[in-house]
Amino acid sequence: MLSKEFARVNKEAYRARRKVVIIIFGLVLVVLMLITGVNLVNLPVASKQNPPVQAVVPSGIDTLIYSEKSFRDDFIKLLQVYEEVTEPRLTGLNWQLVKHGLKEKQLELKKIALAGFSSGDYLEALHTLREAQSKAESILQEQEILFNVSLKKAKELFEEFSYSESKLYINQALALKPKNANAKRLHERIESLPSVIDFFEKMKVAIVENNKTEEIELIRKILEVDPERLGLFPQLKLLEERESDLIFSAYIERGIRHIKKGELNEARSRYKAAKGVRPVSDELNFLGDLINKHAKNVSLNLALKQSLSAVNNEDWEKLVLITDQSLKEHLANDVLLSRNGLAKDILHQMKILSNFIRKHDRLSSKKIYLQAEQAIKASSSYSEKSELLLKKGMRLSELLVKYKTKVSVAIISDNKTRISIKGLGEIGYSKYKVLQLYPNNYIIEGKRNGFRSVIVKGTVPAGVKSITFDVVCNERI
């Protein structure tokens, strides 16, 4: 912070010291020559044979220069401490509580010290800064003593429930140290004192009336506004233990009544409340068993109702979900097991029929055709249970009929091309030939000497009456 100022001052101080050293050196040299009677006029001229005598600087000059450097360094160190440690502490003071004029005096001392340093008077500057440091420590010490006395008095009056007087002293302590954590916390407790006093008065009445619930509530209120009143905790614990026995029994009794009325949620709420009072007990286990038994019956009835609705709506996937989940809890329920099996069987049959319908072109294969017939037969046993399954079976049956019905296939040629169908044999030459073929994929080949052969991949679809294919070899080789 003072680097530039120090640089300027150092240059000026260096010039001043150099002048002082030269003057002192000259005076000392003159005095020595006068004492020894040396005449400067007759001094021999320096030559190679007689080298010049070097002057010896007295040790006193070195001592003087060293002392000045020491004073200068001490000043810099003390100034750093003053600005980085002492001044921030002074800044935090409430100067209204300090003797008038001391703040200005401190500023003036520092200003004088800096001015002395700038002029090269390091010793005087150091003395002045030390005086400023000493006075600052005195001010801070006086403030610390006053703060401690005020805080102590505020604590004593607080413990005597004296709100007004304790507030007066704590305000004085905070005026000296506004950020002190202990003072701020005590101030908060003092501010809560009127409420605490009121609660204590009401608690006296509750004790006289033997109202334990009210007494417990008032102690809790006191601890809520002033948690540091640790002496109340043993009393509160004893009262709560006695009160908890009565509360626990009441929760258990209410829970049993709710179960008898079929109020499961309310019973669970009482169970949870009782467990919060006493986590482990035979009474709690008994209530828990009753709740679980009732909950199991409720869940079973709900599962039976929902599964029946799924059966009626033919929502077989939902039925599987409902029964799978319910059977985890009700493993041996015959109704759920039966409905679960029915849903899975119907879904399985529907999947098989859907695959045949979606890829019905495979029905042209005799093997696949027979498999489809067997699938229809297998699904017929469930058709009374599922209209959707019945419709899929009817749809597949219709497709089977179509694949067993021949289609009129007309082949148009030029009577010069020899025609054959792979798997059926030779057709021969013809301009127009009509064949009766089952729906399937066929390869029709035409051949003619001197011409490139023709291959026609023809699909005869199911459900049509007729279809035509042109087979002519007209590209010479």
Protein backbone atom coordinates (compact mmCIF):
# COMPACT_ATOMS: atom_id res chain seq x y z
CA MET A 1 0.00 0.00 0.00
CA LEU A 2 2.92 2.31 0.74
CA SER A 3 5.35 0.94 -1.88
CA LYS A 4 5.37 4.07 -4.07
CA GLU A 5 5.67 6.38 -1.08
CA PHE A 6 8.56 4.30 0.30
CA ALA A 7 10.37 4.38 -3.07
CA ARG A 8 10.21 8.19 -3.23
CA VAL A 9 11.19 8.62 0.40
CA ASN A 10 14.12 6.17 0.04
CA LYS A 11 15.65 8.23 -2.81
CA GLU A 12 15.41 11.47 -0.84
CA ALA A 13 16.77 9.82 2.30
CA TYR A 14 19.70 8.32 0.37
CA ARG A 15 20.73 11.74 -1.02
CA ALA A 16 20.50 13.30 2.46
CA ARG A 17 22.59 10.53 4.06
CA ARG A 18 25.24 10.81 1.33
CA LYS A 19 25.60 14.55 1.96
CA VAL A 20 25.88 13.99 5.72
CA VAL A 21 28.51 11.26 5.29
CA ILE A 22 30.64 13.44 2.94
CA ILE A 23 30.50 16.40 5.35
CA ILE A 24 31.40 14.26 8.36
CA PHE A 25 34.21 12.57 6.48
CA GLY A 26 35.67 15.92 5.45
CA LEU A 27 35.54 17.31 8.98
CA VAL A 28 37.19 14.22 10.43
CA LEU A 29 39.96 14.35 7.83
CA VAL A 30 40.67 18.06 8.55
CA VAL A 31 40.82 17.41 12.28
CA LEU A 32 43.26 14.54 11.80
CA MET A 33 45.58 16.64 9.61
CA LEU A 34 45.58 19.47 12.14
CA ILE A 35 46.42 17.10 14.95
CA THR A 36 49.34 15.44 13.15
CA GLY A 37 50.68 18.73 11.75
CA VAL A 38 50.43 17.61 8.19
CA ASN A 39 50.58 20.41 5.70
CA LEU A 40 48.37 19.81 2.78
CA VAL A 41 50.55 22.01 0.57
CA ASN A 42 53.65 19.81 1.13
CA LEU A 43 51.94 16.50 0.59
CA PRO A 44 53.96 14.34 -1.84
CA VAL A 45 52.58 13.83 -5.34
CA ALA A 46 51.37 10.37 -5.96
CA SER A 47 53.63 8.35 -8.23
CA LYS A 48 54.38 4.82 -9.12
CA GLN A 49 57.17 4.74 -6.49
CA ASN A 50 54.96 6.28 -3.79
CA PRO A 51 51.38 5.02 -4.09
CA PRO A 52 48.70 7.29 -2.57
CA VAL A 53 47.66 6.64 1.02
CA GLN A 54 43.99 5.48 1.24
CA ALA A 55 41.89 7.27 3.84
CA VAL A 56 40.39 5.09 6.56
CA VAL A 57 36.75 5.94 7.33
CA PRO A 58 36.18 5.95 11.08
CA SER A 59 33.89 3.22 12.40
CA GLY A 60 31.51 5.77 13.92
CA ILE A 61 30.15 6.68 10.47
CA ASP A 62 29.36 3.04 9.76
CA THR A 63 27.57 2.82 13.09
CA LEU A 64 25.53 5.93 12.31
CA ILE A 65 24.49 4.63 8.88
CA TYR A 66 23.60 1.22 10.36
CA SER A 67 21.46 2.82 13.11
CA GLU A 68 19.52 4.89 10.61
CA LYS A 69 18.85 1.79 8.49
CA SER A 70 17.71 -0.09 11.60
CA PHE A 71 15.32 2.74 12.58
CA ARG A 72 13.97 2.83 9.04
CA ASP A 73 13.37 -0.95 8.93
CA ASP A 74 11.74 -0.96 12.37
CA PHE A 75 9.42 1.82 11.30
CA ILE A 76 8.35 -0.08 8.18
CA LYS A 77 7.66 -3.25 10.17
CA LEU A 78 5.70 -1.40 12.87
CA LEU A 79 3.72 0.55 10.24
CA GLN A 80 2.72 -2.71 8.58
CA VAL A 81 1.47 -4.08 11.91
CA TYR A 82 -0.34 -0.84 12.67
CA GLU A 83 -2.14 -0.70 9.32
CA GLU A 84 -2.92 -4.42 8.98
CA VAL A 85 -3.78 -5.27 12.61
CA THR A 86 -4.30 -2.25 14.81
CA GLU A 87 -6.17 0.10 12.47
CA PRO A 88 -8.82 -2.49 11.47
CA ARG A 89 -9.53 -3.03 15.16
CA LEU A 90 -9.81 0.70 15.68
CA THR A 91 -12.14 0.97 12.70
CA GLY A 92 -14.55 -1.47 14.36
CA LEU A 93 -14.78 0.67 17.52
CA ASN A 94 -17.79 2.73 18.43
CA TRP A 95 -15.92 6.03 18.79
CA GLN A 96 -18.94 7.69 20.38
CA LEU A 97 -18.10 5.70 23.51
CA VAL A 98 -14.45 6.80 23.43
CA LYS A 99 -13.13 10.03 24.97
CA HIS A 100 -13.66 12.95 22.61
CA GLY A 101 -10.61 13.83 20.50
CA LEU A 102 -8.79 10.49 20.79
CA LYS A 103 -9.73 9.42 17.28
CA GLU A 104 -8.34 12.64 15.80
CA LYS A 105 -5.23 12.31 17.98
CA GLN A 106 -4.57 8.82 16.58
CA LEU A 107 -4.87 10.07 13.01
CA GLU A 108 -2.59 13.00 13.76
CA LEU A 109 0.11 10.78 15.33
CA LYS A 110 0.20 8.55 12.26
CA LYS A 111 0.36 11.60 9.99
CA ILE A 112 3.30 13.06 11.97
CA ALA A 113 5.10 9.70 11.89
CA LEU A 114 4.77 9.44 8.12
CA ALA A 115 5.96 13.01 7.67
CA GLY A 116 9.05 12.31 9.81
CA PHE A 117 9.82 9.22 7.79
CA SER A 118 9.51 11.17 4.55
CA SER A 119 12.01 13.76 5.77
CA GLY A 120 14.52 11.06 6.75
CA ASP A 121 14.09 11.49 10.51
CA TYR A 122 13.60 7.76 11.07
CA LEU A 123 14.17 7.72 14.82
CA GLU A 124 11.61 10.44 15.56
CA ALA A 125 9.14 8.81 13.13
CA LEU A 126 9.60 5.47 14.93
CA HIS A 127 9.01 7.06 18.34
CA THR A 128 5.84 8.78 17.11
CA LEU A 129 4.45 5.58 15.54
CA ARG A 130 5.22 3.66 18.73
CA GLU A 131 3.28 6.27 20.67
CA ALA A 132 0.33 5.86 18.28
CA GLN A 133 0.49 2.06 18.68
CA SER A 134 0.65 2.34 22.49
CA LYS A 135 -2.32 4.72 22.68
CA ALA A 136 -4.30 2.50 20.33
CA GLU A 137 -3.67 -0.54 22.54
CA SER A 138 -4.81 1.42 25.56
CA ILE A 139 -8.04 2.47 23.84
CA LEU A 140 -8.72 -1.09 22.71
CA GLN A 141 -7.98 -2.47 26.17
CA GLU A 142 -10.34 -0.01 27.83
CA GLN A 143 -13.05 -0.92 25.34
CA GLU A 144 -12.46 -4.65 25.97
CA ILE A 145 -12.79 -4.20 29.74
CA LEU A 146 -15.97 -2.17 29.35
CA PHE A 147 -17.40 -4.78 26.98
CA ASN A 148 -16.68 -7.67 29.35
CA VAL A 149 -18.21 -5.84 32.31
CA SER A 150 -21.34 -4.97 30.32
CA LEU A 151 -21.74 -8.53 29.02
CA LYS A 152 -21.28 -10.05 32.48
CA LYS A 153 -23.80 -7.68 34.04
CA ALA A 154 -26.29 -8.40 31.25
CA LYS A 155 -25.97 -12.17 31.93
CA GLU A 156 -26.52 -11.74 35.66
CA LEU A 157 -29.63 -9.61 35.19
CA PHE A 158 -30.96 -12.00 32.52
CA GLU A 159 -30.71 -14.92 34.93
CA GLU A 160 -32.71 -12.84 37.44
CA PHE A 161 -35.46 -12.36 34.79
CA SER A 162 -34.80 -8.60 34.79
CA TYR A 163 -35.70 -7.70 31.22
CA SER A 164 -35.26 -3.90 31.17
CA GLU A 165 -31.93 -3.74 33.00
CA SER A 166 -30.40 -6.72 31.18
CA LYS A 167 -31.43 -5.17 27.86
CA LEU A 168 -29.70 -1.91 28.86
CA TYR A 169 -26.38 -3.66 29.50
CA ILE A 170 -26.50 -5.94 26.48
CA ASN A 171 -27.18 -2.94 24.24
CA GLN A 172 -24.10 -1.27 25.72
CA ALA A 173 -22.02 -4.40 25.03
CA LEU A 174 -23.28 -4.57 21.43
CA ALA A 175 -22.52 -0.91 20.95
CA LEU A 176 -18.88 -1.76 21.77
CA LYS A 177 -18.79 -5.00 19.71
CA PRO A 178 -21.76 -5.21 17.31
CA LYS A 179 -20.52 -8.45 15.68
CA ASN A 180 -19.65 -10.40 18.83
CA ALA A 181 -21.42 -13.79 18.62
CA ASN A 182 -21.90 -14.25 22.38
CA ALA A 183 -23.36 -10.78 22.80
CA LYS A 184 -25.71 -11.25 19.84
CA ARG A 185 -26.94 -14.61 21.17
CA LEU A 186 -27.52 -13.18 24.67
CA HIS A 187 -29.41 -10.27 23.09
CA GLU A 188 -31.72 -12.77 21.36
CA ARG A 189 -32.37 -14.56 24.64
CA ILE A 190 -33.07 -11.30 26.44
CA GLU A 191 -35.56 -10.30 23.73
CA SER A 192 -37.41 -13.58 24.30
CA LEU A 193 -37.53 -13.00 28.07
CA PRO A 194 -41.03 -11.42 28.21
CA SER A 195 -42.52 -14.49 26.48
CA VAL A 196 -40.52 -16.85 28.71
CA ILE A 197 -41.72 -15.06 31.86
CA ASP A 198 -45.33 -15.34 30.64
CA PHE A 199 -44.94 -19.08 29.98
CA PHE A 200 -43.45 -19.65 33.43
CA GLU A 201 -46.42 -17.88 35.07
CA LYS A 202 -48.87 -20.07 33.13
CA MET A 203 -46.85 -23.16 34.02
CA LYS A 204 -47.31 -22.41 37.73
CA VAL A 205 -51.07 -22.47 37.19
CA ALA A 206 -50.87 -25.76 35.25
CA ILE A 207 -48.88 -27.37 38.09
CA VAL A 208 -51.48 -26.28 40.65
CA GLU A 209 -54.27 -27.70 38.46
CA ASN A 210 -52.27 -30.92 37.81
CA ASN A 211 -52.62 -30.36 34.06
CA LYS A 212 -49.61 -32.35 32.85
CA THR A 213 -50.42 -31.87 29.18
CA GLU A 214 -50.49 -28.10 29.56
CA GLU A 215 -47.32 -28.17 31.64
CA ILE A 216 -45.48 -30.15 28.96
CA GLU A 217 -46.73 -27.82 26.24
CA LEU A 218 -45.57 -24.72 28.13
CA ILE A 219 -42.10 -26.18 28.74
CA ARG A 220 -41.83 -26.94 25.03
CA LYS A 221 -42.83 -23.37 24.19
CA ILE A 222 -40.16 -22.03 26.55
CA LEU A 223 -37.51 -24.25 24.95
CA GLU A 224 -38.71 -23.25 21.51
CA VAL A 225 -38.03 -19.55 22.13
CA ASP A 226 -34.98 -20.18 24.35
CA PRO A 227 -33.42 -23.61 23.66
CA GLU A 228 -30.48 -22.89 25.99
CA ARG A 229 -32.54 -23.38 29.16
CA LEU A 230 -31.05 -26.83 29.62
CA GLY A 231 -32.40 -27.21 33.16
CA LEU A 232 -35.90 -27.76 31.80
CA PHE A 233 -35.00 -30.87 29.77
CA PRO A 234 -34.97 -33.40 32.68
CA GLN A 235 -38.33 -32.11 33.91
CA LEU A 236 -39.76 -32.30 30.39
CA LYS A 237 -38.45 -35.85 29.89
CA LEU A 238 -40.07 -37.10 33.10
CA LEU A 239 -43.43 -35.52 32.26
CA GLU A 240 -43.32 -36.84 28.68
CA GLU A 241 -42.66 -40.40 29.85
CA ARG A 242 -45.73 -40.33 32.07
CA GLU A 243 -47.81 -38.64 29.41
CA SER A 244 -46.63 -41.01 26.67
CA ASP A 245 -48.11 -44.03 28.47
CA LEU A 246 -51.57 -42.48 28.40
CA ILE A 247 -51.21 -41.28 24.82
CA PHE A 248 -49.96 -44.68 23.63
CA SER A 249 -52.91 -46.54 25.15
CA ALA A 250 -55.35 -44.07 23.58
CA TYR A 251 -53.83 -44.57 20.12
CA ILE A 252 -54.09 -48.37 20.40
CA GLU A 253 -57.74 -48.25 21.49
CA ARG A 254 -58.70 -45.85 18.70
CA GLY A 255 -56.87 -47.98 16.14
CA ILE A 256 -58.86 -51.09 17.13
CA ARG A 257 -62.15 -49.16 16.89
CA HIS A 258 -61.26 -47.94 13.36
CA ILE A 259 -60.58 -51.52 12.21
CA LYS A 260 -63.96 -52.68 13.48
CA LYS A 261 -65.56 -49.91 11.44
CA GLY A 262 -63.55 -50.85 8.35
CA GLU A 263 -61.60 -47.57 8.46
CA LEU A 264 -58.22 -48.92 7.41
CA ASN A 265 -56.47 -45.59 6.71
CA GLU A 266 -57.49 -44.17 10.07
CA ALA A 267 -56.29 -47.35 11.83
CA ARG A 268 -52.92 -47.09 10.09
CA SER A 269 -52.66 -43.46 11.19
CA ARG A 270 -53.25 -44.45 14.83
CA TYR A 271 -50.72 -47.27 14.50
CA LYS A 272 -48.11 -44.87 13.16
CA ALA A 273 -48.82 -42.41 15.97
CA ALA A 274 -48.56 -45.16 18.61
CA LYS A 275 -45.27 -46.37 17.11
CA GLY A 276 -43.93 -42.84 17.35
CA VAL A 277 -44.64 -42.91 21.09
CA ARG A 278 -43.39 -46.45 21.75
CA PRO A 279 -41.67 -48.22 18.82
CA VAL A 280 -41.69 -51.71 20.38
CA SER A 281 -44.51 -53.29 22.41
CA ASP A 282 -46.92 -56.24 22.39
CA GLU A 283 -49.90 -53.91 22.06
CA LEU A 284 -48.39 -52.35 18.94
CA ASN A 285 -47.74 -55.79 17.42
CA PHE A 286 -51.35 -56.81 18.12
CA LEU A 287 -52.71 -53.69 16.37
CA GLY A 288 -50.32 -54.22 13.46
CA ASP A 289 -51.52 -57.81 12.98
CA LEU A 290 -55.14 -56.67 12.94
CA ILE A 291 -54.36 -54.00 10.35
CA ASN A 292 -52.46 -56.45 8.12
CA LYS A 293 -55.26 -59.03 8.28
CA HIS A 294 -57.90 -56.45 7.42
CA ALA A 295 -55.73 -54.95 4.67
CA LYS A 296 -55.26 -58.41 3.16
CA ASN A 297 -59.00 -58.99 3.02
CA VAL A 298 -59.55 -55.57 1.47
CA SER A 299 -56.88 -56.14 -1.19
CA LEU A 300 -58.33 -59.59 -2.02
CA ASN A 301 -61.84 -58.23 -2.48
CA LEU A 302 -60.50 -55.42 -4.65
CA ALA A 303 -58.48 -57.85 -6.79
CA LEU A 304 -61.51 -60.12 -7.29
CA LYS A 305 -63.65 -57.15 -8.28
CA GLN A 306 -61.08 -55.71 -10.70
CA SER A 307 -60.30 -59.10 -12.26
CA LEU A 308 -64.00 -59.82 -12.85
CA SER A 309 -64.35 -56.44 -14.57
CA ALA A 310 -61.35 -57.28 -16.79
CA VAL A 311 -62.95 -60.64 -17.73
CA ASN A 312 -66.23 -58.98 -18.68
CA ASN A 313 -64.41 -56.35 -20.77
CA GLU A 314 -62.09 -58.94 -22.32
CA ASP A 315 -59.11 -56.89 -21.17
CA TRP A 316 -56.93 -59.98 -20.91
CA GLU A 317 -53.60 -58.15 -20.57
CA LYS A 318 -54.93 -56.09 -17.66
CA LEU A 319 -56.33 -59.29 -16.10
CA VAL A 320 -52.85 -60.85 -16.20
CA LEU A 321 -51.35 -57.80 -14.48
CA ILE A 322 -54.02 -57.72 -11.76
CA THR A 323 -53.89 -61.42 -10.97
CA ASP A 324 -50.08 -61.67 -11.14
CA GLN A 325 -49.79 -58.89 -8.60
CA SER A 326 -52.54 -60.20 -6.32
CA LEU A 327 -51.23 -63.77 -6.32
CA LYS A 328 -48.00 -62.52 -4.70
CA GLU A 329 -50.10 -61.84 -1.60
CA HIS A 330 -52.90 -64.40 -2.05
CA LEU A 331 -50.98 -67.41 -3.34
CA ALA A 332 -53.69 -70.06 -2.90
CA ASN A 333 -56.79 -68.19 -4.03
CA ASP A 334 -58.51 -70.45 -6.56
CA VAL A 335 -60.47 -67.69 -8.28
CA LEU A 336 -57.41 -65.59 -8.96
CA LEU A 337 -55.45 -68.63 -10.13
CA SER A 338 -58.26 -69.64 -12.51
CA ARG A 339 -58.63 -66.16 -13.99
CA ASN A 340 -54.90 -65.77 -14.35
CA GLY A 341 -54.63 -69.06 -16.25
CA LEU A 342 -57.62 -68.21 -18.47
CA ALA A 343 -56.17 -64.83 -19.43
CA LYS A 344 -52.77 -66.26 -20.31
CA ASP A 345 -54.30 -69.11 -22.37
CA ILE A 346 -56.55 -66.79 -24.36
CA LEU A 347 -53.69 -64.37 -25.02
CA HIS A 348 -51.57 -67.29 -26.20
CA GLN A 349 -54.30 -68.56 -28.60
CA MET A 350 -54.90 -65.04 -29.94
CA LYS A 351 -51.20 -64.63 -30.63
CA ILE A 352 -51.07 -67.90 -32.61
CA LEU A 353 -54.16 -67.05 -34.69
CA SER A 354 -52.89 -63.51 -35.30
CA ASN A 355 -49.59 -64.83 -36.66
CA PHE A 356 -51.43 -67.06 -39.21
CA ILE A 357 -53.69 -64.18 -40.24
CA ARG A 358 -50.84 -61.66 -40.55
CA LYS A 359 -48.74 -64.03 -42.69
CA HIS A 360 -51.59 -65.81 -44.47
CA ASP A 361 -49.57 -66.27 -47.69
CA ARG A 362 -47.90 -69.21 -45.91
CA LEU A 363 -51.25 -71.04 -45.91
CA SER A 364 -50.49 -72.17 -49.46
CA SER A 365 -48.12 -74.63 -47.78
CA LYS A 366 -49.95 -77.84 -46.88
CA LYS A 367 -47.97 -78.12 -43.63
CA ILE A 368 -48.82 -74.59 -42.53
CA TYR A 369 -52.42 -75.10 -43.62
CA LEU A 370 -52.76 -78.10 -41.31
CA GLN A 371 -51.17 -76.19 -38.45
CA ALA A 372 -53.70 -73.40 -38.90
CA GLU A 373 -56.57 -75.90 -38.76
CA GLN A 374 -55.19 -77.30 -35.52
CA ALA A 375 -54.87 -73.77 -34.06
CA ILE A 376 -58.53 -73.05 -34.83
CA LYS A 377 -59.55 -76.29 -33.17
CA ALA A 378 -57.44 -75.52 -30.07
CA SER A 379 -58.93 -72.02 -29.71
CA SER A 380 -62.51 -73.24 -30.04
CA SER A 381 -62.53 -74.41 -26.40
CA TYR A 382 -62.09 -70.75 -25.31
CA SER A 383 -64.46 -69.17 -27.82
CA GLU A 384 -67.29 -69.05 -25.30
CA LYS A 385 -65.07 -67.02 -22.95
CA SER A 386 -63.78 -64.57 -25.57
CA GLU A 387 -65.66 -63.05 -28.46
CA LEU A 388 -62.41 -61.54 -29.73
CA LEU A 389 -60.82 -64.98 -29.93
CA LEU A 390 -63.89 -66.35 -31.70
CA LYS A 391 -63.71 -63.62 -34.35
CA LYS A 392 -60.02 -64.32 -34.99
CA GLY A 393 -60.79 -68.02 -35.44
CA MET A 394 -63.56 -67.21 -37.92
CA ARG A 395 -61.26 -64.89 -39.84
CA LEU A 396 -58.61 -67.59 -40.14
CA SER A 397 -61.23 -70.14 -41.21
CA GLU A 398 -62.29 -67.83 -44.02
CA LEU A 399 -58.70 -67.58 -45.20
CA LEU A 400 -58.37 -71.37 -45.19
CA VAL A 401 -61.41 -71.65 -47.41
CA LYS A 402 -59.93 -69.15 -49.84
CA TYR A 403 -56.63 -71.03 -49.99
CA LYS A 404 -58.57 -74.23 -50.79
CA THR A 405 -60.45 -72.56 -53.65
CA LYS A 406 -58.82 -72.73 -57.10
CA VAL A 407 -58.34 -69.61 -59.22
CA SER A 408 -58.67 -69.38 -63.01
CA VAL A 409 -55.16 -68.61 -64.32
CA ALA A 410 -55.02 -67.48 -68.00
CA ILE A 411 -51.66 -67.70 -69.83
CA ILE A 412 -51.41 -65.63 -73.01
CA SER A 413 -48.66 -66.49 -75.53
CA ASP A 414 -47.88 -66.46 -79.31
CA ASN A 415 -48.27 -70.19 -80.04
CA LYS A 416 -44.52 -70.24 -80.80
CA THR A 417 -43.27 -70.27 -77.24
CA ARG A 418 -43.13 -73.53 -75.36
CA ILE A 419 -44.57 -72.95 -71.86
CA SER A 420 -43.96 -74.90 -68.63
CA ILE A 421 -44.77 -74.31 -64.93
CA LYS A 422 -42.23 -75.37 -62.34
CA GLY A 423 -43.67 -78.11 -60.19
CA LEU A 424 -46.66 -78.70 -62.52
CA GLY A 425 -44.98 -79.67 -65.79
CA GLU A 426 -45.20 -78.86 -69.51
CA ILE A 427 -48.06 -76.72 -70.87
CA GLY A 428 -46.86 -76.63 -74.49
CA TYR A 429 -47.64 -74.12 -77.25
CA SER A 430 -50.74 -71.99 -77.05
CA LYS A 431 -52.08 -68.52 -77.62
CA TYR A 432 -54.46 -68.67 -74.72
CA LYS A 433 -54.47 -71.29 -71.97
CA VAL A 434 -56.65 -71.33 -68.85
CA LEU A 435 -55.58 -73.39 -65.80
CA GLN A 436 -57.25 -73.90 -62.42
CA LEU A 437 -54.61 -73.38 -59.72
CA TYR A 438 -54.63 -73.02 -55.94
CA PRO A 439 -53.42 -69.68 -54.51
CA ASN A 440 -49.63 -69.83 -54.39
CA ASN A 441 -46.45 -68.52 -55.98
CA TYR A 442 -45.57 -70.05 -59.36
CA ILE A 443 -42.62 -69.85 -61.77
CA ILE A 444 -43.74 -69.89 -65.45
CA GLU A 445 -41.02 -70.45 -68.08
CA GLY A 446 -41.19 -69.81 -71.86
CA LYS A 447 -38.67 -71.19 -74.38
CA ARG A 448 -38.22 -70.69 -78.16
CA ASN A 449 -35.37 -71.63 -80.46
CA GLY A 450 -33.25 -68.65 -81.42
CA PHE A 451 -34.81 -66.48 -78.74
CA ARG A 452 -33.91 -65.69 -75.15
CA SER A 453 -35.95 -67.69 -72.58
CA VAL A 454 -38.56 -65.88 -70.44
CA ILE A 455 -39.27 -66.56 -66.74
CA VAL A 456 -42.39 -65.08 -65.09
CA LYS A 457 -42.73 -65.20 -61.31
CA GLY A 458 -46.46 -65.16 -60.81
CA THR A 459 -48.41 -64.96 -57.57
CA VAL A 460 -51.93 -66.32 -57.55
CA PRO A 461 -53.60 -64.54 -54.60
CA ALA A 462 -56.34 -66.03 -52.47
CA GLY A 463 -59.85 -64.69 -52.81
CA VAL A 464 -59.74 -63.70 -56.51
CA LYS A 465 -61.65 -65.41 -59.32
CA SER A 466 -59.08 -65.10 -62.12
CA ILE A 467 -55.67 -63.73 -63.06
CA THR A 468 -53.70 -63.43 -66.34
CA PHE A 469 -49.97 -63.81 -67.18
CA ASP A 470 -48.22 -63.03 -70.52
CA VAL A 471 -45.44 -65.43 -71.54
CA VAL A 472 -43.81 -64.63 -74.97
CA CYS A 473 -40.22 -65.09 -76.15
CA ASN A 474 -39.58 -62.18 -78.57
CA GLU A 475 -35.92 -61.27 -77.91
CA ARG A 476 -33.59 -62.90 -80.45
CA ILE A 477 -30.25 -64.25 -79.36
